[in-house]
N, C-alpha and C. Protein backbone atom coordinates (compact mmCIF):
# COMPACT_ATOMS: atom_id res chain seq x y z
N MET A 1 158.11 -52.57 23.36
CA MET A 1 157.18 -54.22 22.49
C MET A 1 156.26 -53.33 22.02
N GLN A 2 155.20 -53.64 20.62
CA GLN A 2 154.25 -53.37 20.09
C GLN A 2 153.56 -54.14 20.44
N LYS A 3 152.27 -53.20 20.57
CA LYS A 3 150.63 -53.55 21.16
C LYS A 3 150.15 -53.50 19.41
N THR A 4 149.52 -55.37 19.78
CA THR A 4 148.77 -55.92 18.34
C THR A 4 147.55 -55.98 18.71
N ASP A 5 146.72 -55.78 17.13
CA ASP A 5 145.39 -55.64 17.41
C ASP A 5 145.00 -57.04 18.16
N LEU A 6 144.48 -57.82 18.57
CA LEU A 6 144.69 -59.12 18.92
C LEU A 6 142.77 -59.68 19.14
N GLN A 7 142.19 -58.29 18.61
CA GLN A 7 141.01 -58.87 18.80
C GLN A 7 140.42 -60.07 17.26
N PRO A 8 139.75 -61.00 17.57
CA PRO A 8 138.99 -61.98 16.43
C PRO A 8 138.83 -61.22 15.72
N THR A 9 139.02 -62.02 14.40
CA THR A 9 138.33 -61.76 12.56
C THR A 9 138.17 -62.68 11.83
N SER A 10 137.03 -62.74 11.13
CA SER A 10 136.17 -63.18 10.19
C SER A 10 136.29 -62.31 9.10
N ASP A 11 135.75 -63.04 8.05
CA ASP A 11 135.24 -62.79 6.64
C ASP A 11 133.77 -62.62 6.07
N THR A 12 133.22 -63.75 7.02
CA THR A 12 131.40 -64.16 7.02
C THR A 12 131.26 -63.19 7.81
N ILE A 13 130.31 -63.29 7.43
CA ILE A 13 129.02 -62.35 7.85
C ILE A 13 127.51 -63.59 7.96
N PRO A 14 127.86 -63.18 9.52
CA PRO A 14 127.16 -64.22 10.38
C PRO A 14 125.30 -63.92 9.74
N ASN A 15 124.00 -64.73 9.91
CA ASN A 15 122.97 -64.74 9.92
C ASN A 15 122.20 -64.75 11.40
N GLN A 16 123.36 -64.93 12.21
CA GLN A 16 122.68 -64.93 13.54
C GLN A 16 124.07 -64.60 14.70
N ILE A 17 123.35 -63.84 15.53
CA ILE A 17 125.18 -63.68 16.71
C ILE A 17 125.00 -63.88 17.83
N ALA A 18 125.16 -64.84 19.00
CA ALA A 18 125.08 -64.84 19.81
C ALA A 18 125.84 -64.65 21.25
N VAL A 19 125.18 -63.39 21.49
CA VAL A 19 125.78 -62.25 22.69
C VAL A 19 124.77 -62.71 23.93
N ASP A 20 126.19 -62.57 24.80
CA ASP A 20 126.02 -62.27 26.31
C ASP A 20 127.63 -62.28 27.01
N GLU A 21 127.29 -62.03 27.94
CA GLU A 21 128.22 -61.80 28.96
C GLU A 21 128.07 -62.73 30.44
N THR A 22 129.38 -62.92 30.98
CA THR A 22 130.58 -63.74 32.38
C THR A 22 130.57 -62.91 33.33
N VAL A 23 130.31 -63.17 34.55
CA VAL A 23 131.90 -62.57 35.52
C VAL A 23 132.83 -63.32 35.18
N ILE A 24 134.20 -62.92 35.88
CA ILE A 24 135.59 -63.70 35.99
C ILE A 24 135.87 -62.15 36.98
N ARG A 25 136.83 -63.51 37.61
CA ARG A 25 137.37 -62.43 38.75
C ARG A 25 139.28 -61.91 38.42
N VAL A 26 139.54 -60.76 38.06
CA VAL A 26 140.98 -60.26 37.86
C VAL A 26 140.85 -59.47 38.98
N THR A 27 141.99 -60.07 39.87
CA THR A 27 142.73 -59.13 40.93
C THR A 27 141.83 -58.97 41.60
N GLY A 28 141.27 -60.16 42.11
CA GLY A 28 139.99 -60.39 43.16
C GLY A 28 139.00 -59.28 42.44
N GLU A 29 139.14 -58.82 41.70
CA GLU A 29 138.27 -57.82 41.32
C GLU A 29 136.90 -58.41 40.23
N ARG A 30 135.24 -58.96 40.88
CA ARG A 30 134.67 -58.64 39.60
C ARG A 30 134.65 -58.03 38.13
N CYS A 31 134.68 -59.07 37.49
CA CYS A 31 134.87 -58.05 36.35
C CYS A 31 133.66 -59.15 34.83
N TRP A 32 132.87 -58.03 33.94
CA TRP A 32 132.31 -58.43 33.01
C TRP A 32 133.35 -58.93 31.05
N LEU A 33 132.70 -60.35 31.37
CA LEU A 33 133.39 -60.49 29.89
C LEU A 33 132.06 -60.50 28.94
N TYR A 34 131.95 -59.95 28.25
CA TYR A 34 131.14 -59.71 27.00
C TYR A 34 131.79 -60.50 25.50
N ALA A 35 130.72 -61.10 24.92
CA ALA A 35 131.37 -61.77 24.16
C ALA A 35 130.48 -61.79 22.85
N ALA A 36 131.20 -61.97 21.52
CA ALA A 36 129.70 -62.15 20.19
C ALA A 36 130.44 -63.61 20.05
N VAL A 37 129.70 -64.70 19.62
CA VAL A 37 130.06 -65.51 18.97
C VAL A 37 129.22 -65.96 17.64
N ASN A 38 129.87 -66.64 16.37
CA ASN A 38 128.75 -67.12 15.53
C ASN A 38 128.50 -68.67 15.86
N PRO A 39 126.98 -68.34 16.29
CA PRO A 39 126.91 -69.98 16.10
C PRO A 39 126.90 -71.18 15.30
N ALA A 40 126.91 -70.28 14.20
CA ALA A 40 127.24 -71.35 12.95
C ALA A 40 128.91 -72.17 13.31
N THR A 41 129.83 -71.30 13.73
CA THR A 41 131.22 -71.66 13.57
C THR A 41 132.38 -71.59 14.95
N ASN A 42 130.58 -70.97 15.69
CA ASN A 42 131.20 -71.44 17.74
C ASN A 42 132.46 -70.15 17.96
N GLU A 43 132.30 -69.33 16.62
CA GLU A 43 134.23 -68.48 16.44
C GLU A 43 133.80 -67.38 17.54
N PHE A 44 134.72 -66.41 18.13
CA PHE A 44 134.52 -65.34 18.45
C PHE A 44 134.46 -64.06 17.57
N LEU A 45 133.29 -63.34 17.94
CA LEU A 45 133.23 -62.29 16.98
C LEU A 45 133.76 -60.56 17.25
N HIS A 46 133.48 -61.06 18.61
CA HIS A 46 134.24 -59.79 19.56
C HIS A 46 133.89 -60.06 20.96
N SER A 47 135.70 -59.52 21.56
CA SER A 47 135.19 -59.88 22.97
C SER A 47 135.18 -58.54 23.96
N GLN A 48 134.86 -58.27 25.12
CA GLN A 48 135.60 -57.00 25.32
C GLN A 48 135.48 -57.37 26.52
N LEU A 49 135.94 -56.81 27.77
CA LEU A 49 136.23 -57.11 29.35
C LEU A 49 136.00 -55.18 30.26
N PHE A 50 135.36 -55.44 30.91
CA PHE A 50 134.30 -54.20 31.29
C PHE A 50 134.29 -54.34 33.26
N GLN A 51 134.59 -53.69 33.77
CA GLN A 51 134.47 -53.39 35.33
C GLN A 51 133.26 -53.13 36.26
N ALA A 52 132.43 -53.17 34.99
CA ALA A 52 131.02 -52.65 35.83
C ALA A 52 129.77 -53.51 34.37
N LEU A 53 129.13 -53.75 34.73
CA LEU A 53 127.93 -53.91 33.99
C LEU A 53 126.72 -52.76 33.89
N THR A 54 126.69 -52.11 32.81
CA THR A 54 125.53 -50.91 32.84
C THR A 54 125.01 -51.05 30.94
N THR A 55 124.52 -50.39 30.82
CA THR A 55 123.85 -49.99 29.17
C THR A 55 124.63 -49.20 28.53
N GLN A 56 125.24 -48.32 29.37
CA GLN A 56 125.80 -47.70 28.58
C GLN A 56 127.89 -48.88 27.99
N LEU A 57 127.59 -49.15 28.85
CA LEU A 57 129.21 -50.39 28.99
C LEU A 57 128.42 -50.70 27.56
N THR A 58 127.88 -51.64 27.78
CA THR A 58 127.16 -52.43 26.41
C THR A 58 126.76 -51.90 25.51
N LEU A 59 126.11 -50.69 25.27
CA LEU A 59 126.28 -49.76 23.61
C LEU A 59 127.70 -49.75 23.63
N LEU A 60 128.94 -50.09 24.21
CA LEU A 60 129.89 -49.29 23.64
C LEU A 60 130.65 -51.20 23.26
N PHE A 61 129.97 -52.36 24.26
CA PHE A 61 130.69 -53.45 23.43
C PHE A 61 130.24 -53.46 22.10
N PHE A 62 128.51 -52.94 21.65
CA PHE A 62 127.97 -53.10 20.61
C PHE A 62 128.65 -52.81 19.29
N ARG A 63 129.12 -51.01 19.79
CA ARG A 63 129.21 -50.14 19.02
C ARG A 63 131.36 -49.83 18.64
N ASP A 64 131.66 -51.19 18.92
CA ASP A 64 132.56 -51.76 18.61
C ASP A 64 132.67 -53.43 18.20
N LEU A 65 131.96 -53.74 18.14
CA LEU A 65 131.52 -54.88 17.48
C LEU A 65 130.85 -54.77 15.88
N ARG A 66 130.24 -53.73 16.08
CA ARG A 66 129.96 -53.20 14.89
C ARG A 66 131.16 -52.29 13.72
N GLU A 67 131.46 -51.98 14.58
CA GLU A 67 133.11 -51.41 13.86
C GLU A 67 134.37 -52.34 13.12
N LYS A 68 134.06 -53.57 13.58
CA LYS A 68 135.44 -54.38 13.40
C LYS A 68 134.00 -56.23 12.68
N GLN A 69 132.86 -55.84 12.89
CA GLN A 69 132.54 -56.88 12.05
C GLN A 69 131.24 -56.34 11.09
N GLN A 70 130.57 -57.01 10.08
CA GLN A 70 129.14 -56.57 9.64
C GLN A 70 128.28 -57.83 10.10
N VAL A 71 127.89 -56.25 10.83
CA VAL A 71 126.65 -57.47 12.00
C VAL A 71 125.35 -56.63 11.52
N GLU A 72 124.95 -55.76 10.50
CA GLU A 72 123.81 -54.61 10.35
C GLU A 72 122.49 -55.97 9.66
N GLN A 73 122.92 -56.85 9.46
CA GLN A 73 121.85 -57.51 8.93
C GLN A 73 121.82 -58.88 9.88
N ALA A 74 122.08 -59.37 11.02
CA ALA A 74 122.21 -60.24 11.68
C ALA A 74 121.07 -59.97 12.65
N THR A 75 121.14 -60.96 12.90
CA THR A 75 120.00 -61.03 14.17
C THR A 75 120.50 -61.74 15.45
N PHE A 76 120.36 -60.48 16.52
CA PHE A 76 120.91 -60.85 17.69
C PHE A 76 120.94 -61.93 18.55
N LEU A 77 121.48 -62.73 19.46
CA LEU A 77 120.31 -63.66 20.31
C LEU A 77 121.33 -63.39 21.45
N VAL A 78 119.80 -62.80 22.83
CA VAL A 78 120.04 -62.75 23.77
C VAL A 78 119.28 -63.69 24.69
N ASP A 79 119.42 -63.36 25.94
CA ASP A 79 118.49 -64.03 27.22
C ASP A 79 118.07 -62.73 27.54
N GLU A 80 117.02 -62.89 28.46
CA GLU A 80 116.71 -61.58 29.14
C GLU A 80 117.30 -60.84 30.03
N ALA A 81 118.43 -60.47 29.48
CA ALA A 81 119.52 -59.44 30.32
C ALA A 81 118.39 -58.24 29.67
N HIS A 82 118.67 -57.03 30.59
CA HIS A 82 117.68 -56.03 29.62
C HIS A 82 118.87 -54.87 28.84
N HIS A 83 119.85 -55.49 29.60
CA HIS A 83 120.96 -54.23 29.17
C HIS A 83 121.47 -54.35 28.30
N LEU A 84 121.03 -55.90 27.50
CA LEU A 84 121.59 -56.13 26.00
C LEU A 84 120.51 -55.76 25.01
N GLN A 85 119.22 -56.25 25.14
CA GLN A 85 117.65 -55.74 24.93
C GLN A 85 118.16 -54.15 24.78
N THR A 86 118.09 -53.59 25.75
CA THR A 86 118.18 -51.80 26.22
C THR A 86 118.48 -51.47 24.60
N ALA A 87 120.32 -52.07 24.82
CA ALA A 87 121.50 -51.06 23.69
C ALA A 87 120.98 -51.30 22.94
N LEU A 88 121.01 -53.03 21.69
CA LEU A 88 120.41 -53.18 20.66
C LEU A 88 119.73 -52.44 20.11
N THR A 89 117.89 -52.11 21.09
CA THR A 89 117.46 -51.50 19.99
C THR A 89 117.34 -50.32 20.06
N ARG A 90 118.54 -49.42 20.48
CA ARG A 90 118.99 -48.06 20.63
C ARG A 90 120.08 -47.55 20.07
N LEU A 91 120.75 -48.91 19.47
CA LEU A 91 121.45 -49.27 17.95
C LEU A 91 120.86 -49.88 16.31
N GLY A 92 119.38 -49.89 16.86
CA GLY A 92 119.36 -50.36 15.80
C GLY A 92 119.12 -51.60 15.28
N LEU A 93 119.94 -52.62 15.55
CA LEU A 93 120.05 -53.87 15.55
C LEU A 93 118.99 -54.59 15.84
N ARG A 94 118.54 -55.56 15.16
CA ARG A 94 117.30 -56.45 15.50
C ARG A 94 118.10 -57.88 16.95
N PHE A 95 117.59 -58.31 17.33
CA PHE A 95 117.56 -59.29 18.52
C PHE A 95 116.08 -60.34 18.07
N GLN A 96 116.33 -61.69 18.68
CA GLN A 96 115.93 -62.15 19.23
C GLN A 96 115.69 -62.83 20.47
N TYR A 97 114.88 -63.32 21.73
CA TYR A 97 115.13 -63.32 22.59
C TYR A 97 115.15 -64.77 22.95
N ILE A 98 116.70 -65.76 23.26
CA ILE A 98 116.20 -67.40 23.03
C ILE A 98 116.77 -68.18 24.25
N ARG A 99 116.43 -68.82 25.11
CA ARG A 99 116.99 -69.55 25.73
C ARG A 99 117.75 -70.86 25.61
N HIS A 100 117.58 -71.34 24.51
CA HIS A 100 117.97 -72.55 24.23
C HIS A 100 119.07 -72.18 23.10
N GLY A 101 119.08 -73.36 21.97
CA GLY A 101 119.66 -73.83 20.60
C GLY A 101 120.79 -72.71 20.58
N ASN A 102 120.32 -71.86 19.45
CA ASN A 102 121.69 -71.18 18.64
C ASN A 102 122.76 -70.29 19.81
N ARG A 103 121.78 -70.03 20.52
CA ARG A 103 122.53 -69.13 21.43
C ARG A 103 123.40 -70.16 22.61
N ASN A 104 123.17 -71.24 22.69
CA ASN A 104 124.37 -71.55 23.41
C ASN A 104 125.58 -71.84 23.28
N SER A 105 125.70 -71.60 21.79
CA SER A 105 127.38 -71.33 21.20
C SER A 105 128.15 -70.96 22.64
N VAL A 106 127.48 -69.64 23.10
CA VAL A 106 128.32 -68.45 23.67
C VAL A 106 128.74 -69.15 24.94
N GLU A 107 127.35 -70.06 25.57
CA GLU A 107 127.65 -70.47 26.91
C GLU A 107 128.27 -71.45 26.74
N ARG A 108 128.86 -73.04 25.39
CA ARG A 108 129.80 -73.07 25.46
C ARG A 108 131.17 -71.82 25.23
N VAL A 109 131.21 -71.25 24.88
CA VAL A 109 132.76 -71.05 24.64
C VAL A 109 132.54 -70.30 26.04
N PHE A 110 132.30 -69.33 26.61
CA PHE A 110 132.32 -69.24 27.75
C PHE A 110 132.95 -70.20 29.23
N ARG A 111 131.99 -70.56 29.09
CA ARG A 111 132.82 -72.16 29.54
C ARG A 111 134.27 -72.61 29.50
N GLU A 112 134.23 -72.80 27.82
CA GLU A 112 135.79 -72.65 27.79
C GLU A 112 136.78 -71.88 28.03
N VAL A 113 136.72 -70.73 28.15
CA VAL A 113 136.75 -69.49 28.59
C VAL A 113 137.05 -69.29 30.35
N LYS A 114 136.52 -70.22 31.14
CA LYS A 114 135.85 -70.12 32.61
C LYS A 114 137.17 -71.22 32.67
N ARG A 115 136.88 -72.21 32.34
CA ARG A 115 137.85 -73.13 32.56
C ARG A 115 139.44 -72.96 32.55
N ARG A 116 139.72 -72.18 31.21
CA ARG A 116 140.99 -71.68 30.99
C ARG A 116 141.20 -70.64 31.85
N THR A 117 140.47 -69.93 32.13
CA THR A 117 141.17 -68.52 33.34
C THR A 117 140.68 -69.42 34.60
N SER A 118 140.26 -70.11 35.49
CA SER A 118 140.43 -70.76 36.38
C SER A 118 141.96 -71.84 36.53
N SER A 119 141.98 -71.90 35.30
CA SER A 119 143.15 -73.27 35.51
C SER A 119 144.40 -72.49 35.59
N PHE A 120 144.62 -70.87 34.96
CA PHE A 120 145.46 -69.74 34.85
C PHE A 120 145.40 -68.79 35.54
N SER A 121 144.45 -69.34 36.42
CA SER A 121 144.26 -67.50 38.07
C SER A 121 145.40 -66.99 37.82
N ASN A 122 146.36 -67.57 38.36
CA ASN A 122 147.46 -67.19 38.93
C ASN A 122 148.02 -65.61 37.65
N ALA A 123 147.66 -65.85 36.44
CA ALA A 123 148.22 -65.05 35.63
C ALA A 123 146.93 -63.12 35.72
N PHE A 124 146.42 -63.96 36.59
CA PHE A 124 145.20 -63.03 36.81
C PHE A 124 145.45 -62.25 38.52
N ARG A 125 146.50 -62.33 38.97
CA ARG A 125 146.53 -61.53 39.93
C ARG A 125 147.93 -60.62 39.49
N ASN A 126 147.41 -59.80 40.37
CA ASN A 126 147.98 -58.48 40.61
C ASN A 126 148.98 -57.42 38.70
N VAL A 127 147.56 -57.88 37.83
CA VAL A 127 147.66 -57.55 36.49
C VAL A 127 146.27 -56.19 36.11
N GLU A 128 146.66 -55.70 35.45
CA GLU A 128 145.66 -55.18 35.21
C GLU A 128 144.53 -55.13 34.24
N LEU A 129 143.35 -54.18 33.81
CA LEU A 129 142.14 -54.89 33.35
C LEU A 129 142.15 -54.97 31.84
N GLU A 130 143.17 -54.31 31.33
CA GLU A 130 143.88 -54.46 29.92
C GLU A 130 144.47 -55.22 29.69
N THR A 131 145.55 -55.67 30.44
CA THR A 131 146.65 -56.68 30.33
C THR A 131 145.48 -58.01 30.67
N ALA A 132 144.60 -58.32 31.25
CA ALA A 132 143.38 -59.55 31.50
C ALA A 132 142.91 -59.80 30.00
N GLU A 133 142.26 -58.17 29.60
CA GLU A 133 141.61 -58.22 28.46
C GLU A 133 142.68 -58.82 26.66
N SER A 134 144.04 -58.64 27.40
CA SER A 134 145.32 -58.87 26.01
C SER A 134 144.65 -60.57 25.90
N TRP A 135 144.79 -61.13 27.73
CA TRP A 135 144.82 -62.50 26.91
C TRP A 135 143.65 -63.00 26.92
N LEU A 136 142.37 -62.72 27.23
CA LEU A 136 141.41 -63.22 26.79
C LEU A 136 141.41 -62.71 25.35
N GLN A 137 141.60 -61.67 24.70
CA GLN A 137 141.46 -62.14 23.51
C GLN A 137 142.47 -62.64 22.38
N ALA A 138 143.49 -63.06 23.02
CA ALA A 138 144.18 -63.73 22.56
C ALA A 138 143.92 -65.52 22.30
N CYS A 139 143.16 -65.46 23.40
CA CYS A 139 142.62 -67.02 23.82
C CYS A 139 141.32 -67.29 22.52
N ALA A 140 140.82 -65.68 22.11
CA ALA A 140 139.91 -65.88 21.60
C ALA A 140 140.27 -65.85 20.10
N VAL A 141 141.80 -65.32 19.61
CA VAL A 141 142.02 -65.61 18.41
C VAL A 141 142.40 -66.98 18.68
N TRP A 142 142.85 -68.18 19.39
CA TRP A 142 143.66 -68.99 19.41
C TRP A 142 142.24 -70.03 19.35
N HIS A 143 141.19 -69.65 20.42
CA HIS A 143 140.05 -70.70 19.84
C HIS A 143 139.79 -69.94 18.65
N ASN A 144 139.83 -69.26 17.32
CA ASN A 144 138.87 -69.21 16.14
C ASN A 144 140.36 -70.00 15.81
N SER A 145 141.56 -69.92 15.37
CA SER A 145 142.06 -71.24 14.94
C SER A 145 141.68 -72.36 15.26
N CYS A 146 141.09 -72.31 16.11
CA CYS A 146 140.85 -73.95 16.19
C CYS A 146 139.93 -74.40 15.99
N GLN A 147 138.67 -73.88 15.62
CA GLN A 147 137.47 -74.25 15.18
C GLN A 147 138.03 -74.53 13.17
N THR A 148 138.27 -73.87 13.37
CA THR A 148 138.77 -74.29 11.61
C THR A 148 139.50 -75.46 11.40
């Protein structure tokens, strides 16, 4: 079976990008799902699943996002999480700390992801992290197709 790249794609260049992470369980272990969302469209721009929460992994997330999307001119909307702010500063990307407003779009998307992962929690038992990440990325592509 050939593996496909399930990361969301977008032709738009967003002015703002809402970024956050949330904890989900994979095979009983805590994992951190990072997501970047275009608040104007509520579309996923990028998502990635990690087994730990570190600045280095946050840097990896932003580097991968930058490879796939045109984000150099965007302002990243983040919460008070220091690892997000530190990674963006190291990469020379603009960010704004914001508690509500456009950053809430990523929270709405996370609520939907958590609803789906809890509904399909059996799918996350006895699976590898890579399998769970592929499933989540497929959900992001599906989510984006429903936004248009």
